[in-house]
Protein backbone atom coordinates (compact mmCIF):
# COMPACT_ATOMS: atom_id res chain seq x y z
CA MET A 1 -14.25 16.91 -19.90
CA THR A 2 -11.33 17.02 -17.52
CA THR A 3 -9.34 13.78 -17.41
CA ILE A 4 -6.12 12.50 -15.94
CA ASP A 5 -4.43 11.25 -19.11
CA THR A 6 -2.77 7.90 -18.45
CA ASN A 7 -0.53 8.42 -21.48
CA GLY A 8 0.20 12.11 -20.93
CA ALA A 9 2.96 13.91 -19.08
CA VAL A 10 3.15 14.60 -15.39
CA HIS A 11 2.10 17.78 -13.65
CA ASP A 12 3.40 21.22 -14.23
CA GLN A 13 4.53 23.42 -11.34
CA ALA A 14 0.97 24.16 -10.28
CA GLY A 15 0.33 20.45 -10.05
CA ARG A 16 3.60 19.91 -8.21
CA PHE A 17 5.43 17.69 -10.71
CA ALA A 18 7.48 19.25 -13.51
CA THR A 19 7.87 18.01 -17.07
CA THR A 20 11.10 17.69 -19.04
CA GLY A 21 12.13 16.10 -22.31
CA GLY A 22 12.94 12.42 -22.72
CA SER A 23 10.95 9.24 -22.43
CA SER A 24 10.91 6.04 -20.45
CA ALA A 25 9.08 2.74 -20.85
CA GLY A 26 6.86 4.18 -23.59
CA TYR A 27 5.93 7.17 -21.41
CA ASP A 28 6.32 10.48 -23.23
CA LEU A 29 7.78 12.97 -20.77
CA SER A 30 7.68 15.75 -23.36
CA ALA A 31 3.90 15.65 -23.78
CA PRO A 32 1.84 18.55 -22.37
CA ALA A 33 0.77 18.30 -18.76
CA PRO A 34 -2.88 17.27 -18.24
CA VAL A 35 -5.46 19.33 -16.44
CA ALA A 36 -5.82 17.53 -13.13
CA PRO A 37 -7.91 18.95 -10.27
CA VAL A 38 -6.48 16.58 -7.64
CA GLY A 39 -3.66 17.70 -5.35
CA VAL A 40 -2.37 20.41 -3.06
CA VAL A 41 -0.93 23.37 -4.95
CA ASP A 42 0.59 25.35 -2.10
CA GLY A 43 2.36 22.52 -0.29
CA TYR A 44 1.40 19.74 2.05
CA PRO A 45 -0.21 20.36 5.45
CA PRO A 46 2.39 20.74 8.23
CA ALA A 47 3.68 17.83 10.30
CA GLU A 48 1.84 19.32 13.29
CA ASP A 49 -1.32 18.03 11.56
CA PRO A 50 0.02 14.54 10.75
CA GLN A 51 -3.12 12.89 9.41
CA ARG A 52 -3.88 15.66 6.93
CA ARG A 53 -0.25 15.69 5.78
CA LEU A 54 -0.16 11.93 5.28
CA ASP A 55 -3.50 11.94 3.48
CA ALA A 56 -2.34 14.71 1.13
CA VAL A 57 0.92 12.90 0.32
CA ARG A 58 -0.96 9.67 -0.37
CA ALA A 59 -3.36 11.51 -2.70
CA ASP A 60 -0.42 13.07 -4.54
CA ALA A 61 1.34 9.73 -5.01
CA GLU A 62 -1.83 8.01 -6.22
CA ARG A 63 -2.44 10.90 -8.58
CA LEU A 64 1.00 10.60 -10.16
CA LEU A 65 0.67 6.81 -10.50
CA THR A 66 -2.57 7.34 -12.41
CA ASP A 67 -1.12 10.14 -14.55
CA VAL A 68 1.77 8.03 -15.85
CA GLY A 69 -0.36 4.99 -16.65
CA LEU A 70 0.30 3.00 -13.46
CA ALA A 71 -3.27 3.03 -12.16
CA GLY A 72 -2.97 -0.70 -11.41
CA TRP A 73 -0.28 0.10 -8.81
CA ARG A 74 -1.09 1.03 -5.24
CA PHE A 75 0.43 3.12 -2.47
CA GLU A 76 1.15 2.14 1.14
CA TRP A 77 2.82 3.52 4.25
CA ASP A 78 5.58 1.52 5.90
CA ALA A 79 7.57 1.63 9.16
CA ALA A 80 11.06 2.18 7.65
CA VAL A 81 13.41 4.62 9.36
CA ALA A 82 16.55 4.18 7.20
CA ARG A 83 14.96 4.79 3.78
CA ALA A 84 12.29 7.18 2.56
CA GLY A 85 10.55 4.89 0.07
CA GLN A 86 10.43 1.49 -1.60
CA THR A 87 9.14 -0.04 -4.84
CA ARG A 88 7.83 -3.61 -4.86
CA TYR A 89 7.36 -4.91 -8.40
CA ARG A 90 5.81 -8.26 -7.52
CA ASP A 91 2.68 -6.76 -5.97
CA ARG A 92 2.86 -3.43 -7.87
CA THR A 93 3.23 -1.27 -4.80
CA ILE A 94 5.21 1.81 -3.87
CA SER A 95 5.51 2.59 -0.17
CA MET A 96 6.88 5.50 1.83
CA SER A 97 8.09 5.80 5.39
CA HIS A 98 5.31 7.04 7.66
CA ASP A 99 7.71 8.67 10.13
CA LEU A 100 10.17 10.15 7.61
CA THR A 101 7.32 11.71 5.63
CA LEU A 102 6.43 13.67 8.77
CA LEU A 103 10.09 14.67 9.33
CA HIS A 104 11.13 15.57 5.78
CA ASP A 105 10.35 18.86 4.08
CA ASP A 106 7.86 19.10 1.21
CA ALA A 107 10.53 19.12 -1.51
CA LYS A 108 12.04 15.88 -0.24
CA VAL A 109 8.64 14.23 0.05
CA ARG A 110 7.84 15.15 -3.56
CA ASP A 111 11.26 13.85 -4.61
CA THR A 112 10.59 10.53 -2.86
CA ILE A 113 7.31 10.13 -4.76
CA ALA A 114 9.06 10.85 -8.06
CA HIS A 115 11.94 8.51 -7.08
CA GLU A 116 9.67 5.52 -6.46
CA VAL A 117 7.34 6.13 -9.41
CA ALA A 118 10.45 6.30 -11.64
CA HIS A 119 11.42 2.83 -10.36
CA ALA A 120 7.94 1.55 -11.21
CA LEU A 121 8.16 3.03 -14.72
CA THR A 122 11.64 1.81 -15.63
CA GLY A 123 11.29 -1.68 -14.16
CA PRO A 124 13.36 -3.94 -11.89
CA GLY A 125 16.34 -4.30 -14.23
CA HIS A 126 17.43 -0.67 -14.03
CA GLY A 127 18.08 0.09 -10.38
CA HIS A 128 19.50 3.63 -10.20
CA ASP A 129 20.96 3.66 -13.71
CA GLU A 130 20.91 6.52 -16.20
CA GLU A 131 17.45 5.70 -17.56
CA TRP A 132 16.03 5.69 -14.04
CA ARG A 133 17.80 9.00 -13.29
CA ARG A 134 16.37 10.67 -16.42
CA THR A 135 12.91 9.37 -15.60
CA ALA A 136 13.09 10.58 -11.98
CA ILE A 137 14.22 14.04 -13.11
CA GLY A 138 11.43 14.08 -15.70
CA LEU A 139 8.94 13.43 -12.92
CA GLY A 140 10.26 16.37 -10.91
CA GLY A 141 12.81 14.53 -8.72
CA ASP A 142 16.50 15.25 -8.29
CA GLY A 143 17.70 11.94 -9.75
CA LYS A 144 19.76 11.04 -6.67
CA ARG A 145 19.64 7.57 -5.15
CA CYS A 146 19.84 8.61 -1.47
CA PHE A 147 18.42 11.38 0.64
CA ASP A 148 20.91 13.79 2.20
CA GLY A 149 20.62 16.58 4.72
CA GLN A 150 17.23 15.46 6.03
CA PRO A 151 16.38 14.72 9.67
CA LYS A 152 16.13 11.12 10.83
CA PRO A 153 14.38 9.57 13.84
CA ALA A 154 16.52 8.90 16.91
CA ALA A 155 18.37 5.59 16.54
CA ARG A 156 17.78 2.69 18.92
CA TRP A 157 21.50 2.42 19.79
CA VAL A 158 24.16 5.11 20.28
CA GLY A 159 27.81 4.16 19.84
CA THR A 160 30.58 6.22 21.46
CA CYS A 161 34.31 5.86 20.85
CA PRO A 162 37.07 6.74 23.42
CA ASN A 163 37.47 10.16 21.75
CA GLY A 164 33.79 11.01 22.09
CA HIS A 165 32.63 10.50 18.50
CA GLN A 166 29.10 9.12 18.29
CA VAL A 167 27.16 7.12 15.74
CA GLY A 168 23.57 5.86 15.76
CA ARG A 169 22.24 2.47 14.69
CA ASN A 170 18.89 0.75 14.84
CA ARG A 171 20.40 -2.75 14.83
CA ARG A 172 23.41 -3.96 16.78
CA THR A 173 25.24 -7.19 15.93
CA ALA A 174 25.95 -9.16 19.11
CA ASN A 175 29.53 -10.24 19.88
CA ARG A 176 31.00 -8.07 17.12
CA GLN A 177 33.23 -5.07 17.69
CA TYR A 178 33.33 -1.90 15.62
CA SER A 179 35.91 0.83 15.69
CA CYS A 180 35.37 4.54 15.07
CA ASN A 181 35.65 5.46 11.40
CA ALA A 182 36.39 9.07 12.30
CA CYS A 183 39.44 8.03 14.34
CA SER A 184 40.69 5.29 11.99
CA PRO A 185 39.06 5.61 8.55
CA GLY A 186 38.73 2.41 6.58
CA ARG A 187 40.35 0.04 9.07
CA PHE A 188 39.64 -1.60 12.41
CA ASP A 189 41.52 -0.01 15.32
CA PRO A 190 41.34 -1.75 18.72
CA GLU A 191 42.19 1.59 20.35
CA SER A 192 39.01 3.15 18.92
CA VAL A 193 36.44 0.46 19.74
CA ILE A 194 32.87 1.75 19.98
CA THR A 195 30.81 1.17 23.12
CA TRP A 196 27.07 0.80 22.53
CA THR A 197 24.29 2.05 24.81
CA ARG A 198 20.53 2.21 24.42
CA ASN A 199 19.25 5.61 23.33
CA GLU A 200 16.84 7.06 25.90
CA ASP A 201 15.31 9.28 23.20
CA TYR A 202 14.47 6.36 20.91
CA VAL A 203 10.82 6.07 19.89
CA PRO A 204 9.70 2.90 18.06
CA PRO A 205 8.61 3.62 14.48
CA THR A 206 4.94 3.89 13.70
CA ARG A 207 3.59 0.75 12.08
CA PRO A 208 0.67 1.97 10.00
CA GLN A 209 -2.20 -0.32 9.19
CA THR A 210 -2.00 -1.32 5.53
CA VAL A 211 -5.05 -0.28 3.52
CA HIS A 212 -5.33 -2.10 0.21
CA ARG A 213 -7.06 -0.46 -2.72
CA ARG A 214 -10.60 -1.71 -3.24
CA PRO A 215 -11.25 -3.01 -6.76
CA PRO A 216 -13.87 -0.95 -8.64
CA ARG A 217 -17.16 -2.71 -9.33
CA ALA A 218 -19.56 -2.33 -12.25
CA SER A 219 -22.36 -1.94 -9.69
CA MET A 220 -20.86 1.43 -8.71
CA VAL A 221 -22.01 3.03 -12.00
CA GLY A 222 -24.88 5.45 -11.45
CA LYS A 223 -24.32 5.74 -7.70
CA ASP A 224 -23.34 8.88 -5.82
CA TYR A 225 -20.16 9.14 -3.74
CA ARG A 226 -18.04 11.83 -2.17
CA LEU A 227 -14.42 12.59 -2.99
CA ASP A 228 -11.71 12.02 -0.38
CA LEU A 229 -9.04 14.52 -1.48
CA PRO A 230 -7.32 15.92 1.66
CA GLY A 231 -5.87 19.38 1.15
CA ASN A 232 -7.98 20.14 -1.93
CA ASP A 233 -10.46 22.68 -0.56
CA GLU A 234 -12.35 22.84 -3.84
CA LEU A 235 -13.05 19.14 -4.36
CA ASP A 236 -12.58 17.38 -1.02
CA GLY A 237 -15.99 16.07 0.05
CA MET A 238 -17.69 17.01 -3.25
CA SER A 239 -20.60 14.83 -4.37
CA VAL A 240 -19.89 12.93 -7.60
CA THR A 241 -21.62 10.27 -9.67
CA VAL A 242 -19.73 7.27 -11.06
CA VAL A 243 -20.29 7.03 -14.83
CA GLY A 244 -17.70 4.39 -15.72
CA VAL A 245 -15.22 1.89 -14.22
CA ALA A 246 -11.88 0.41 -15.29
CA GLN A 247 -11.63 -2.69 -13.13
CA LYS A 248 -8.13 -3.83 -14.15
CA ALA A 249 -6.64 -0.33 -13.92
CA GLY A 250 -8.22 0.33 -10.52
CA TYR A 251 -9.98 3.62 -11.22
CA VAL A 252 -13.45 4.99 -11.91
CA VAL A 253 -14.73 7.86 -14.04
CA VAL A 254 -16.78 10.31 -12.01
CA GLU A 255 -18.95 13.22 -13.03
CA TYR A 256 -19.60 16.38 -11.03
CA ASP A 257 -21.16 19.79 -11.46
CA ASP A 258 -18.78 22.62 -10.53
CA GLY A 259 -21.54 25.23 -10.80
CA ASP A 260 -19.72 27.20 -13.51
CA SER A 261 -19.53 24.93 -16.55
CA LEU A 262 -22.45 24.39 -18.93
CA TYR A 263 -21.91 20.62 -18.80
CA ALA A 264 -20.95 18.33 -15.95
CA ARG A 265 -17.19 17.74 -15.64
CA LYS A 266 -15.62 14.28 -15.65
CA TYR A 267 -12.27 12.85 -14.66
CA ARG A 268 -10.64 9.61 -13.53
CA VAL A 269 -9.90 8.96 -9.88
CA PRO A 270 -8.60 5.90 -7.95
CA VAL A 271 -11.51 4.08 -6.35
CA ALA A 272 -9.86 4.47 -2.91
CA ARG A 273 -10.51 8.22 -3.17
CA LEU A 274 -14.30 7.69 -2.93
CA TYR A 275 -16.53 7.17 0.06
CA GLU A 276 -20.24 6.59 0.18
CA ASP A 277 -21.52 9.16 2.64
CA GLU A 278 -20.30 11.96 4.88
CA SER A 279 -21.08 9.79 7.89
CA ILE A 280 -18.77 6.99 6.60
CA THR A 281 -15.05 7.23 7.25
CA PRO A 282 -13.12 7.34 3.92
CA PRO A 283 -11.19 4.14 3.16
């Protein structure tokens, strides 16, 4: 029986998330990595195929949430352009920027997932403290609070100083002057006032439609579904049978025949990763 252990460690290199020593919030980071068939081993699909890339990233984030015992949490896309991800404790949600996920490289995307899941594990009182940093590193992240060296979407406004230095901003405060920090670091200089103009290359951020996780139902037991696992050539679209549900945790136990094992294989999967028929669009 193959399961995603909600009390076990996160993925090894083949599963994309590394394991190190230490613990956080009762989660043992030194435990052996579980056998988990979900995920893309060789990297996410390229940004040139945006839907497949976004679907694969979502599946990876949902997988990690389940692995670390946060199956009651959900994942969403958001329209942010100044941050890569966000954790909302009140409604148990982690979200990632739709547009930045398409711009950032695979390593940064994985780091963002680990960054936000570490916030969910350590809780709202920790911010980016040492416990959060250790947890993020244990999940395969770099333990840094900000992303550096990654491309950003074109800003709505471009500011230019008299010496030609430029800075981009998405919001501009009316009736307030700014001076160039490159010309006069740390102080306002009336000789270096920035002039703002609209950026002709600006493209409004994508505002994805929020898809909330469907709660599992006892009536699903015994019924056949197909797996929605983008990027997993072995299991995406495979027919499975639901053999158990965990309504509060938000996942179901499915059973499938891989054609090689003597007995059918079972593992846990978020209910949002199931759809009823090939003719029905996955949720």
